[in-house]
Amino acid sequence: LCVLLGFTGALIVVAGDQGLESINLHGLLILLAALSWSLYFALQKRHSGRYDSLTMVCYTIWSGTLLLLVYLPGLWTRVHAASAQVNIALLLLGIFPSALAYLAWAYVLAHSNVSRASMALYLVPPTAMLMASVLLAELPSPWVVVGAGIVLSSVLALGLQPSRRARASSKA
């Protein structure tokens, strides 16, 4: 029921105030990204006992870099054409929000249950919406706020359910 409620909230967020006909290829790419993330979490948790956090992050970052090599032709000329400020910003974005976030996530996954740990990721969209509202004066539509509230409520309800291990120990 919680998962169904979460999907309903996500559908409301995606549709926003423009209706369901506004869902296009970009919306499907977001769903593909969510599926990819779930596969990544499962694989990372499976291998976290064999590899330490730093090794997992290195595999993740270098695999992503390898996939981005399709953009290699012409990269050098674009780097030279960009200002130093832009190049420094890109370097910092690659180090701090990417590499350090992956390292922190790998550490959390190695020391906790993947389903419980991944619930914290649901805080990213509301935080981004809040930051956009405060820093950019962008206000989300009422439907987006309602959908986000439904998603967060479903995650909270799912998080409040006792784990299988806790239910099994209480029965014993």
Protein backbone atom coordinates (compact mmCIF):
# COMPACT_ATOMS: atom_id res chain seq x y z
CA LEU A 1 0.00 0.00 0.00
CA CYS A 2 2.87 2.37 0.83
CA VAL A 3 4.57 1.68 -2.49
CA LEU A 4 1.32 2.21 -4.40
CA LEU A 5 0.78 5.47 -2.50
CA GLY A 6 4.34 6.54 -3.36
CA PHE A 7 3.82 5.81 -7.06
CA THR A 8 0.60 7.82 -6.97
CA GLY A 9 2.44 10.76 -5.42
CA ALA A 10 5.23 10.46 -7.99
CA LEU A 11 2.66 10.47 -10.79
CA ILE A 12 1.11 13.64 -9.38
CA VAL A 13 4.54 15.28 -9.15
CA VAL A 14 5.47 14.32 -12.72
CA ALA A 15 2.13 15.50 -14.08
CA GLY A 16 2.33 18.69 -12.00
CA ASP A 17 -0.20 21.25 -12.99
CA GLN A 18 0.16 20.58 -16.73
CA GLY A 19 -1.76 17.28 -16.77
CA LEU A 20 -0.73 13.77 -17.71
CA GLU A 21 -0.25 14.70 -21.36
CA SER A 22 2.83 16.65 -20.29
CA ILE A 23 4.72 13.41 -19.61
CA ASN A 24 7.18 13.00 -22.45
CA LEU A 25 10.49 11.32 -23.17
CA HIS A 26 12.18 13.37 -20.44
CA GLY A 27 9.76 11.98 -17.85
CA LEU A 28 10.48 8.46 -19.06
CA LEU A 29 14.20 9.14 -18.73
CA ILE A 30 13.62 10.12 -15.11
CA LEU A 31 11.86 6.80 -14.53
CA LEU A 32 14.76 4.99 -16.23
CA ALA A 33 17.17 6.84 -13.94
CA ALA A 34 15.16 5.73 -10.89
CA LEU A 35 15.29 2.12 -12.10
CA SER A 36 19.03 2.42 -12.69
CA TRP A 37 19.53 3.78 -9.19
CA SER A 38 17.62 0.88 -7.66
CA LEU A 39 19.76 -1.62 -9.58
CA TYR A 40 22.87 0.27 -8.50
CA PHE A 41 21.84 0.09 -4.84
CA ALA A 42 21.17 -3.63 -5.03
CA LEU A 43 24.50 -4.33 -6.74
CA GLN A 44 26.41 -2.06 -4.41
CA LYS A 45 24.93 -3.67 -1.32
CA ARG A 46 25.70 -7.12 -2.72
CA HIS A 47 29.38 -6.25 -3.20
CA SER A 48 29.85 -4.04 -0.12
CA GLY A 49 31.07 -6.99 1.93
CA ARG A 50 33.80 -7.75 -0.58
CA TYR A 51 34.97 -4.18 -1.29
CA ASP A 52 35.49 -1.22 1.00
CA SER A 53 33.66 2.08 0.47
CA LEU A 54 36.48 3.82 -1.40
CA THR A 55 36.86 0.92 -3.84
CA MET A 56 33.11 0.92 -4.54
CA VAL A 57 33.18 4.66 -5.19
CA CYS A 58 36.13 4.31 -7.54
CA TYR A 59 34.30 1.63 -9.53
CA THR A 60 31.19 3.83 -9.66
CA ILE A 61 32.93 7.03 -10.70
CA TRP A 62 35.20 5.36 -13.27
CA SER A 63 32.29 3.38 -14.76
CA GLY A 64 30.31 6.60 -15.14
CA THR A 65 33.33 8.30 -16.65
CA LEU A 66 33.75 5.44 -19.12
CA LEU A 67 30.12 5.82 -20.22
CA LEU A 68 30.65 9.55 -20.75
CA LEU A 69 33.56 8.99 -23.13
CA VAL A 70 31.08 9.24 -26.01
CA TYR A 71 31.45 13.00 -25.50
CA LEU A 72 35.25 12.88 -25.77
CA PRO A 73 35.46 14.10 -29.39
CA GLY A 74 35.58 17.88 -29.20
CA LEU A 75 35.95 17.98 -25.40
CA TRP A 76 39.41 19.54 -25.45
CA THR A 77 38.29 22.46 -27.65
CA ARG A 78 35.25 23.07 -25.45
CA VAL A 79 37.37 23.06 -22.28
CA HIS A 80 39.67 25.65 -23.84
CA ALA A 81 36.71 27.73 -25.03
CA ALA A 82 35.13 27.78 -21.55
CA SER A 83 36.21 30.32 -18.97
CA ALA A 84 38.41 29.34 -16.05
CA GLN A 85 35.47 29.96 -13.71
CA VAL A 86 33.32 27.42 -15.57
CA ASN A 87 36.10 24.81 -15.60
CA ILE A 88 36.75 25.26 -11.88
CA ALA A 89 33.02 25.01 -11.14
CA LEU A 90 32.81 21.74 -13.09
CA LEU A 91 35.83 20.35 -11.28
CA LEU A 92 34.36 21.26 -7.90
CA LEU A 93 30.98 19.76 -8.88
CA GLY A 94 32.75 16.54 -9.80
CA ILE A 95 34.59 16.33 -6.50
CA PHE A 96 32.18 17.51 -3.84
CA PRO A 97 28.60 16.65 -4.70
CA SER A 98 29.57 13.62 -6.76
CA ALA A 99 32.60 11.80 -5.40
CA LEU A 100 32.12 12.70 -1.74
CA ALA A 101 28.41 11.92 -1.88
CA TYR A 102 29.12 8.51 -3.43
CA LEU A 103 31.73 7.84 -0.75
CA ALA A 104 29.30 8.73 2.04
CA TRP A 105 26.58 6.60 0.43
CA ALA A 106 28.91 3.60 0.06
CA TYR A 107 29.79 3.89 3.75
CA VAL A 108 26.12 4.03 4.75
CA LEU A 109 25.24 1.02 2.57
CA ALA A 110 28.09 -1.01 4.00
CA HIS A 111 26.80 -0.42 7.53
CA SER A 112 23.00 -0.53 7.17
CA ASN A 113 20.03 -2.05 5.39
CA VAL A 114 19.72 -0.79 1.80
CA SER A 115 15.96 -0.22 1.96
CA ARG A 116 16.21 1.78 5.18
CA ALA A 117 19.20 3.80 3.99
CA SER A 118 17.66 4.62 0.62
CA MET A 119 14.68 6.28 2.31
CA ALA A 120 16.93 9.23 3.09
CA LEU A 121 17.25 9.87 -0.65
CA TYR A 122 13.60 10.86 -0.75
CA LEU A 123 14.64 14.04 1.04
CA VAL A 124 16.61 15.21 -2.01
CA PRO A 125 13.65 16.47 -4.14
CA PRO A 126 11.95 18.42 -1.33
CA THR A 127 15.31 19.92 -0.37
CA ALA A 128 15.89 20.93 -4.01
CA MET A 129 12.38 22.41 -4.17
CA LEU A 130 13.00 24.37 -0.97
CA MET A 131 16.35 25.63 -2.25
CA ALA A 132 14.80 26.65 -5.59
CA SER A 133 12.05 28.49 -3.71
CA VAL A 134 14.45 30.35 -1.44
CA LEU A 135 17.42 30.97 -3.74
CA LEU A 136 15.73 31.29 -7.14
CA ALA A 137 12.25 32.45 -6.12
CA GLU A 138 10.75 29.51 -8.03
CA LEU A 139 7.52 28.33 -6.52
CA PRO A 140 6.31 24.80 -7.29
CA SER A 141 2.73 24.32 -8.39
CA PRO A 142 0.25 23.22 -5.72
CA TRP A 143 -0.06 19.79 -7.39
CA VAL A 144 3.70 19.26 -7.15
CA VAL A 145 3.60 20.10 -3.43
CA VAL A 146 0.64 17.72 -2.91
CA GLY A 147 2.41 14.94 -4.83
CA ALA A 148 5.64 15.47 -2.90
CA GLY A 149 3.71 15.32 0.37
CA ILE A 150 2.11 12.04 -0.68
CA VAL A 151 5.48 10.55 -1.63
CA LEU A 152 7.09 11.64 1.64
CA SER A 153 4.11 10.32 3.62
CA SER A 154 4.40 6.93 1.94
CA VAL A 155 8.13 6.79 2.65
CA LEU A 156 7.54 7.75 6.27
CA ALA A 157 4.81 5.10 6.62
CA LEU A 158 7.10 2.51 5.07
CA GLY A 159 9.92 3.54 7.40
CA LEU A 160 7.70 3.21 10.46
CA GLN A 161 6.88 -0.40 9.64
CA PRO A 162 9.04 -2.78 11.68
CA SER A 163 11.64 -4.67 9.69
CA ARG A 164 11.32 -8.41 9.03
CA ARG A 165 14.08 -9.11 11.53
CA ALA A 166 12.27 -7.10 14.24
CA ARG A 167 8.96 -8.87 13.51
CA ALA A 168 10.67 -12.27 13.61
CA SER A 169 12.38 -11.54 16.94
CA SER A 170 9.13 -10.25 18.47
CA LYS A 171 7.33 -13.47 17.45
CA ALA A 172 10.06 -15.57 19.00
